[in-house]
Amino acid sequence: MLVTRETDYAIRSLRALADGKKKTLAEICKEEAVPQQFGYKILKKLSKAGYVTIKRGKEGGYIITDEFKERTLYDLARVMENPMDISPCVVPGYRCEAHSENIEACRVNQCLSGLQQELDSRLKAVNLYELFSA
């Protein structure tokens, strides 16, 4: 998994909202250098996942939810990235054309699977609230 531009913009958007204040799309995008054409799409995705609440109307904007405090970088990546795997061969049930089902996973698969587990573990260890509060 690579951190895509979309995930990077999601991290920036959450950082802009981490102070708990309601902000408009324009404020978030300006503060964190997120292009507005991406900002709306990203914030809509974050709202659907429960990270932010959208307030509509003249006094509208975006505000971070309390659920945000329990979320990790791994959780955010799962929302933004699809798929999140570093290689298709680490996905359970992947059928490798180079090996039959009778053969154990190759050394490449073993290495990539280990890296995927380590990456997932590291991402799960980073709480977003703590990351932005530091």
N, C-alpha and C. Protein backbone atom coordinates (compact mmCIF):
# COMPACT_ATOMS: atom_id res chain seq x y z
N MET A 1 0.83 -1.17 0.00
CA MET A 1 0.00 0.00 0.00
C MET A 1 0.88 1.24 0.00
N LEU A 2 0.56 2.12 -0.87
CA LEU A 2 1.19 3.43 -0.86
C LEU A 2 0.20 4.42 -0.31
N VAL A 3 0.70 5.44 0.34
CA VAL A 3 -0.20 6.49 0.79
C VAL A 3 -0.48 7.35 -0.44
N THR A 4 -1.70 7.26 -0.91
CA THR A 4 -2.08 8.00 -2.10
C THR A 4 -2.29 9.47 -1.77
N ARG A 5 -2.42 10.26 -2.80
CA ARG A 5 -2.69 11.68 -2.62
C ARG A 5 -4.01 11.86 -1.86
N GLU A 6 -4.99 11.02 -2.15
CA GLU A 6 -6.28 11.12 -1.47
C GLU A 6 -6.14 10.91 0.04
N THR A 7 -5.36 9.92 0.44
CA THR A 7 -5.13 9.67 1.86
C THR A 7 -4.34 10.80 2.49
N ASP A 8 -3.36 11.30 1.78
CA ASP A 8 -2.59 12.44 2.27
C ASP A 8 -3.51 13.64 2.50
N TYR A 9 -4.40 13.92 1.57
CA TYR A 9 -5.35 15.03 1.73
C TYR A 9 -6.33 14.76 2.88
N ALA A 10 -6.70 13.51 3.08
CA ALA A 10 -7.59 13.17 4.20
C ALA A 10 -6.89 13.44 5.53
N ILE A 11 -5.63 13.06 5.63
CA ILE A 11 -4.85 13.31 6.84
C ILE A 11 -4.76 14.82 7.09
N ARG A 12 -4.47 15.57 6.05
CA ARG A 12 -4.37 17.03 6.19
C ARG A 12 -5.71 17.63 6.62
N SER A 13 -6.79 17.16 6.02
CA SER A 13 -8.12 17.68 6.35
C SER A 13 -8.46 17.42 7.81
N LEU A 14 -8.16 16.22 8.28
CA LEU A 14 -8.41 15.90 9.69
C LEU A 14 -7.53 16.73 10.61
N ARG A 15 -6.30 16.97 10.18
CA ARG A 15 -5.41 17.81 11.00
C ARG A 15 -5.99 19.22 11.14
N ALA A 16 -6.57 19.74 10.06
CA ALA A 16 -7.17 21.08 10.11
C ALA A 16 -8.34 21.13 11.08
N LEU A 17 -9.04 20.00 11.23
CA LEU A 17 -10.22 19.95 12.09
C LEU A 17 -9.92 19.46 13.50
N ALA A 18 -8.70 19.02 13.75
CA ALA A 18 -8.35 18.40 15.03
C ALA A 18 -8.52 19.33 16.22
N ASP A 19 -8.58 20.64 15.98
CA ASP A 19 -8.76 21.57 17.09
C ASP A 19 -10.21 21.62 17.57
N GLY A 20 -11.11 20.88 16.88
CA GLY A 20 -12.51 20.80 17.31
C GLY A 20 -13.39 21.93 16.81
N LYS A 21 -12.82 22.88 16.08
CA LYS A 21 -13.60 24.01 15.58
C LYS A 21 -14.24 23.68 14.24
N LYS A 22 -15.43 24.23 14.02
CA LYS A 22 -16.12 24.05 12.75
C LYS A 22 -15.41 24.91 11.70
N LYS A 23 -15.15 24.32 10.55
CA LYS A 23 -14.48 25.04 9.47
C LYS A 23 -15.17 24.76 8.14
N THR A 24 -15.10 25.72 7.25
CA THR A 24 -15.66 25.53 5.91
C THR A 24 -14.68 24.75 5.05
N LEU A 25 -15.17 24.27 3.95
CA LEU A 25 -14.31 23.57 3.00
C LEU A 25 -13.17 24.48 2.56
N ALA A 26 -13.50 25.73 2.27
CA ALA A 26 -12.47 26.68 1.82
C ALA A 26 -11.40 26.88 2.89
N GLU A 27 -11.80 26.97 4.14
CA GLU A 27 -10.83 27.16 5.24
C GLU A 27 -9.90 25.95 5.36
N ILE A 28 -10.50 24.77 5.31
CA ILE A 28 -9.71 23.53 5.43
C ILE A 28 -8.71 23.44 4.27
N CYS A 29 -9.21 23.66 3.07
CA CYS A 29 -8.36 23.53 1.89
C CYS A 29 -7.23 24.56 1.89
N LYS A 30 -7.54 25.77 2.29
CA LYS A 30 -6.51 26.82 2.34
C LYS A 30 -5.47 26.51 3.41
N GLU A 31 -5.93 26.12 4.58
CA GLU A 31 -5.04 25.86 5.72
C GLU A 31 -4.09 24.70 5.45
N GLU A 32 -4.57 23.69 4.73
CA GLU A 32 -3.77 22.47 4.54
C GLU A 32 -3.34 22.22 3.09
N ALA A 33 -3.51 23.22 2.23
CA ALA A 33 -3.10 23.11 0.82
C ALA A 33 -3.74 21.89 0.13
N VAL A 34 -5.03 21.72 0.37
CA VAL A 34 -5.79 20.66 -0.29
C VAL A 34 -6.60 21.29 -1.42
N PRO A 35 -6.44 20.82 -2.64
CA PRO A 35 -7.24 21.37 -3.74
C PRO A 35 -8.74 21.16 -3.47
N GLN A 36 -9.53 22.22 -3.66
CA GLN A 36 -10.95 22.14 -3.32
C GLN A 36 -11.68 21.06 -4.11
N GLN A 37 -11.26 20.79 -5.35
CA GLN A 37 -11.95 19.76 -6.12
C GLN A 37 -11.82 18.38 -5.47
N PHE A 38 -10.75 18.17 -4.70
CA PHE A 38 -10.58 16.92 -3.95
C PHE A 38 -11.17 17.03 -2.56
N GLY A 39 -11.11 18.21 -1.99
CA GLY A 39 -11.53 18.42 -0.60
C GLY A 39 -12.96 17.98 -0.34
N TYR A 40 -13.88 18.36 -1.20
CA TYR A 40 -15.28 18.00 -0.98
C TYR A 40 -15.45 16.48 -1.02
N LYS A 41 -14.87 15.85 -1.99
CA LYS A 41 -14.97 14.38 -2.14
C LYS A 41 -14.39 13.67 -0.91
N ILE A 42 -13.25 14.14 -0.46
CA ILE A 42 -12.58 13.52 0.68
C ILE A 42 -13.39 13.72 1.96
N LEU A 43 -13.87 14.94 2.18
CA LEU A 43 -14.64 15.20 3.39
C LEU A 43 -15.97 14.45 3.39
N LYS A 44 -16.53 14.26 2.23
CA LYS A 44 -17.76 13.46 2.13
C LYS A 44 -17.47 12.01 2.54
N LYS A 45 -16.35 11.48 2.08
CA LYS A 45 -15.94 10.12 2.45
C LYS A 45 -15.68 10.03 3.95
N LEU A 46 -15.02 11.04 4.51
CA LEU A 46 -14.74 11.06 5.94
C LEU A 46 -16.02 11.18 6.76
N SER A 47 -17.00 11.90 6.23
CA SER A 47 -18.29 12.02 6.91
C SER A 47 -19.01 10.68 6.91
N LYS A 48 -19.02 10.02 5.78
CA LYS A 48 -19.68 8.72 5.67
C LYS A 48 -19.06 7.70 6.63
N ALA A 49 -17.75 7.82 6.86
CA ALA A 49 -17.03 6.89 7.74
C ALA A 49 -17.11 7.32 9.21
N GLY A 50 -17.74 8.46 9.50
CA GLY A 50 -17.92 8.88 10.88
C GLY A 50 -16.80 9.72 11.47
N TYR A 51 -15.90 10.19 10.66
CA TYR A 51 -14.79 11.02 11.16
C TYR A 51 -15.21 12.47 11.34
N VAL A 52 -16.06 12.96 10.46
CA VAL A 52 -16.51 14.35 10.53
C VAL A 52 -18.02 14.41 10.36
N THR A 53 -18.58 15.53 10.84
CA THR A 53 -20.00 15.82 10.65
C THR A 53 -20.09 17.03 9.75
N ILE A 54 -21.03 16.98 8.82
CA ILE A 54 -21.25 18.10 7.91
C ILE A 54 -22.44 18.90 8.41
N LYS A 55 -22.21 20.19 8.62
CA LYS A 55 -23.28 21.12 8.98
C LYS A 55 -23.63 21.90 7.72
N ARG A 56 -24.86 21.80 7.29
CA ARG A 56 -25.30 22.47 6.06
C ARG A 56 -25.81 23.88 6.35
N GLY A 57 -25.91 24.67 5.31
CA GLY A 57 -26.50 25.99 5.43
C GLY A 57 -25.48 27.10 5.51
N LYS A 58 -26.00 28.31 5.72
CA LYS A 58 -25.18 29.51 5.74
C LYS A 58 -24.08 29.44 6.80
N GLU A 59 -24.38 28.90 7.94
CA GLU A 59 -23.41 28.77 9.03
C GLU A 59 -22.77 27.38 9.04
N GLY A 60 -22.78 26.73 7.91
CA GLY A 60 -22.32 25.36 7.82
C GLY A 60 -20.81 25.21 7.83
N GLY A 61 -20.42 23.98 7.77
CA GLY A 61 -19.01 23.64 7.76
C GLY A 61 -18.81 22.20 8.18
N TYR A 62 -17.61 21.89 8.53
CA TYR A 62 -17.23 20.54 8.93
C TYR A 62 -16.68 20.59 10.34
N ILE A 63 -17.01 19.56 11.10
CA ILE A 63 -16.50 19.46 12.47
C ILE A 63 -16.14 17.99 12.73
N ILE A 64 -15.09 17.80 13.48
CA ILE A 64 -14.63 16.45 13.77
C ILE A 64 -15.56 15.80 14.80
N THR A 65 -15.73 14.49 14.70
CA THR A 65 -16.60 13.77 15.64
C THR A 65 -15.78 13.22 16.81
N ASP A 66 -16.49 12.84 17.87
CA ASP A 66 -15.81 12.22 19.01
C ASP A 66 -15.21 10.87 18.65
N GLU A 67 -15.80 10.18 17.67
CA GLU A 67 -15.28 8.88 17.25
C GLU A 67 -13.85 8.99 16.73
N PHE A 68 -13.49 10.16 16.25
CA PHE A 68 -12.15 10.41 15.73
C PHE A 68 -11.09 10.05 16.76
N LYS A 69 -11.38 10.28 18.03
CA LYS A 69 -10.40 10.04 19.08
C LYS A 69 -10.01 8.57 19.21
N GLU A 70 -10.86 7.69 18.70
CA GLU A 70 -10.60 6.24 18.81
C GLU A 70 -9.98 5.66 17.53
N ARG A 71 -9.80 6.46 16.52
CA ARG A 71 -9.37 5.95 15.22
C ARG A 71 -7.86 5.99 15.06
N THR A 72 -7.37 5.05 14.27
CA THR A 72 -5.94 4.96 14.00
C THR A 72 -5.67 5.30 12.54
N LEU A 73 -4.40 5.44 12.24
CA LEU A 73 -3.98 5.67 10.87
C LEU A 73 -4.39 4.48 9.99
N TYR A 74 -4.38 3.30 10.55
CA TYR A 74 -4.83 2.11 9.83
C TYR A 74 -6.31 2.24 9.45
N ASP A 75 -7.14 2.68 10.41
CA ASP A 75 -8.56 2.85 10.14
C ASP A 75 -8.78 3.84 9.00
N LEU A 76 -8.05 4.94 9.04
CA LEU A 76 -8.18 5.95 8.00
C LEU A 76 -7.75 5.40 6.65
N ALA A 77 -6.66 4.68 6.64
CA ALA A 77 -6.18 4.10 5.38
C ALA A 77 -7.21 3.12 4.81
N ARG A 78 -7.88 2.37 5.68
CA ARG A 78 -8.91 1.42 5.23
C ARG A 78 -10.08 2.16 4.57
N VAL A 79 -10.39 3.35 5.08
CA VAL A 79 -11.47 4.14 4.50
C VAL A 79 -11.05 4.70 3.14
N MET A 80 -9.83 5.16 3.05
CA MET A 80 -9.38 5.89 1.86
C MET A 80 -8.79 4.99 0.78
N GLU A 81 -8.14 3.92 1.17
CA GLU A 81 -7.43 3.06 0.21
C GLU A 81 -8.22 1.80 -0.07
N ASN A 82 -8.30 1.45 -1.32
CA ASN A 82 -8.96 0.21 -1.68
C ASN A 82 -8.30 -0.34 -2.93
N PRO A 83 -7.56 -1.38 -2.87
CA PRO A 83 -7.21 -2.16 -1.68
C PRO A 83 -6.05 -1.52 -0.93
N MET A 84 -5.77 -2.08 0.21
CA MET A 84 -4.71 -1.56 1.07
C MET A 84 -3.48 -2.45 1.07
N ASP A 85 -3.50 -3.50 0.31
CA ASP A 85 -2.43 -4.48 0.33
C ASP A 85 -1.25 -4.03 -0.52
N ILE A 86 -0.04 -4.38 -0.10
CA ILE A 86 1.15 -3.97 -0.85
C ILE A 86 1.32 -4.77 -2.13
N SER A 87 0.66 -5.92 -2.21
CA SER A 87 0.71 -6.75 -3.41
C SER A 87 -0.51 -7.65 -3.44
N PRO A 88 -1.02 -7.95 -4.61
CA PRO A 88 -2.18 -8.87 -4.67
C PRO A 88 -1.89 -10.24 -4.05
N CYS A 89 -0.63 -10.65 -4.07
CA CYS A 89 -0.32 -12.00 -3.58
C CYS A 89 -0.44 -12.13 -2.07
N VAL A 90 -0.60 -11.04 -1.33
CA VAL A 90 -0.77 -11.15 0.12
C VAL A 90 -2.24 -11.20 0.52
N VAL A 91 -3.12 -11.07 -0.44
CA VAL A 91 -4.57 -11.12 -0.17
C VAL A 91 -4.98 -12.57 0.03
N PRO A 92 -5.68 -12.88 1.14
CA PRO A 92 -6.12 -14.26 1.35
C PRO A 92 -6.94 -14.75 0.15
N GLY A 93 -6.64 -15.96 -0.27
CA GLY A 93 -7.36 -16.55 -1.39
C GLY A 93 -6.78 -16.22 -2.76
N TYR A 94 -5.73 -15.40 -2.79
CA TYR A 94 -5.11 -15.06 -4.08
C TYR A 94 -4.53 -16.33 -4.69
N ARG A 95 -4.80 -16.54 -5.93
CA ARG A 95 -4.28 -17.71 -6.64
C ARG A 95 -3.12 -17.28 -7.52
N CYS A 96 -1.93 -17.68 -7.11
CA CYS A 96 -0.72 -17.33 -7.84
C CYS A 96 -0.59 -18.21 -9.07
N GLU A 97 -0.43 -17.60 -10.21
CA GLU A 97 -0.28 -18.36 -11.44
C GLU A 97 1.06 -19.08 -11.52
N ALA A 98 2.02 -18.61 -10.73
CA ALA A 98 3.35 -19.20 -10.77
C ALA A 98 3.45 -20.48 -9.94
N HIS A 99 2.51 -20.70 -9.03
CA HIS A 99 2.57 -21.86 -8.15
C HIS A 99 1.20 -22.52 -8.06
N SER A 100 1.21 -23.82 -7.94
CA SER A 100 -0.06 -24.53 -7.77
C SER A 100 -0.49 -24.43 -6.30
N GLU A 101 -1.71 -24.84 -6.02
CA GLU A 101 -2.23 -24.78 -4.65
C GLU A 101 -1.48 -25.71 -3.71
N ASN A 102 -0.78 -26.69 -4.24
CA ASN A 102 -0.09 -27.67 -3.41
C ASN A 102 1.24 -27.16 -2.86
N ILE A 103 1.75 -26.12 -3.45
CA ILE A 103 3.07 -25.64 -3.07
C ILE A 103 2.93 -24.53 -2.03
N GLU A 104 3.81 -24.55 -1.06
CA GLU A 104 3.80 -23.50 -0.05
C GLU A 104 4.04 -22.14 -0.72
N ALA A 105 3.71 -21.12 -0.01
CA ALA A 105 3.94 -19.77 -0.52
C ALA A 105 5.43 -19.59 -0.84
N CYS A 106 5.69 -18.88 -1.89
CA CYS A 106 7.09 -18.67 -2.28
C CYS A 106 7.75 -17.67 -1.32
N ARG A 107 9.04 -17.53 -1.46
CA ARG A 107 9.79 -16.62 -0.58
C ARG A 107 9.35 -15.17 -0.77
N VAL A 108 8.98 -14.81 -1.99
CA VAL A 108 8.51 -13.45 -2.24
C VAL A 108 7.22 -13.21 -1.46
N ASN A 109 6.29 -14.15 -1.53
CA ASN A 109 5.03 -14.03 -0.80
C ASN A 109 5.28 -13.95 0.69
N GLN A 110 6.18 -14.79 1.19
CA GLN A 110 6.49 -14.79 2.62
C GLN A 110 7.06 -13.44 3.04
N CYS A 111 7.93 -12.88 2.23
CA CYS A 111 8.53 -11.58 2.54
C CYS A 111 7.47 -10.49 2.51
N LEU A 112 6.67 -10.45 1.44
CA LEU A 112 5.65 -9.41 1.30
C LEU A 112 4.58 -9.54 2.38
N SER A 113 4.22 -10.77 2.72
CA SER A 113 3.22 -10.96 3.78
C SER A 113 3.74 -10.44 5.11
N GLY A 114 5.01 -10.69 5.39
CA GLY A 114 5.61 -10.18 6.62
C GLY A 114 5.64 -8.65 6.64
N LEU A 115 5.97 -8.06 5.50
CA LEU A 115 5.97 -6.60 5.40
C LEU A 115 4.57 -6.04 5.59
N GLN A 116 3.58 -6.71 4.99
CA GLN A 116 2.19 -6.25 5.13
C GLN A 116 1.76 -6.29 6.59
N GLN A 117 2.10 -7.37 7.29
CA GLN A 117 1.74 -7.48 8.70
C GLN A 117 2.42 -6.39 9.53
N GLU A 118 3.68 -6.14 9.23
CA GLU A 118 4.41 -5.10 9.96
C GLU A 118 3.82 -3.72 9.68
N LEU A 119 3.51 -3.45 8.42
CA LEU A 119 2.91 -2.16 8.05
C LEU A 119 1.57 -1.98 8.75
N ASP A 120 0.71 -3.01 8.69
CA ASP A 120 -0.60 -2.93 9.34
C ASP A 120 -0.44 -2.68 10.84
N SER A 121 0.49 -3.37 11.46
CA SER A 121 0.72 -3.22 12.89
C SER A 121 1.17 -1.80 13.23
N ARG A 122 2.09 -1.27 12.44
CA ARG A 122 2.58 0.10 12.67
C ARG A 122 1.47 1.13 12.49
N LEU A 123 0.64 0.95 11.46
CA LEU A 123 -0.46 1.89 11.22
C LEU A 123 -1.49 1.82 12.34
N LYS A 124 -1.74 0.63 12.86
CA LYS A 124 -2.70 0.46 13.96
C LYS A 124 -2.19 1.10 15.25
N ALA A 125 -0.89 1.27 15.37
CA ALA A 125 -0.31 1.84 16.59
C ALA A 125 -0.37 3.37 16.62
N VAL A 126 -0.76 3.99 15.51
CA VAL A 126 -0.79 5.45 15.45
C VAL A 126 -2.23 5.94 15.60
N ASN A 127 -2.54 6.46 16.78
CA ASN A 127 -3.85 7.04 17.04
C ASN A 127 -3.88 8.44 16.42
N LEU A 128 -4.91 8.72 15.62
CA LEU A 128 -4.97 10.01 14.93
C LEU A 128 -5.07 11.18 15.89
N TYR A 129 -5.87 11.05 16.92
CA TYR A 129 -6.04 12.13 17.88
C TYR A 129 -4.70 12.47 18.54
N GLU A 130 -3.97 11.45 18.95
CA GLU A 130 -2.66 11.66 19.56
C GLU A 130 -1.67 12.24 18.56
N LEU A 131 -1.75 11.80 17.32
CA LEU A 131 -0.87 12.30 16.27
C LEU A 131 -1.05 13.81 16.08
N PHE A 132 -2.28 14.26 16.06
CA PHE A 132 -2.55 15.67 15.82
C PHE A 132 -2.49 16.51 17.08
N SER A 133 -2.49 15.88 18.25
CA SER A 133 -2.44 16.62 19.50
C SER A 133 -0.99 16.91 19.94
N ALA A 134 -0.08 16.17 19.37
CA ALA A 134 1.33 16.29 19.79
C ALA A 134 1.95 17.60 19.36
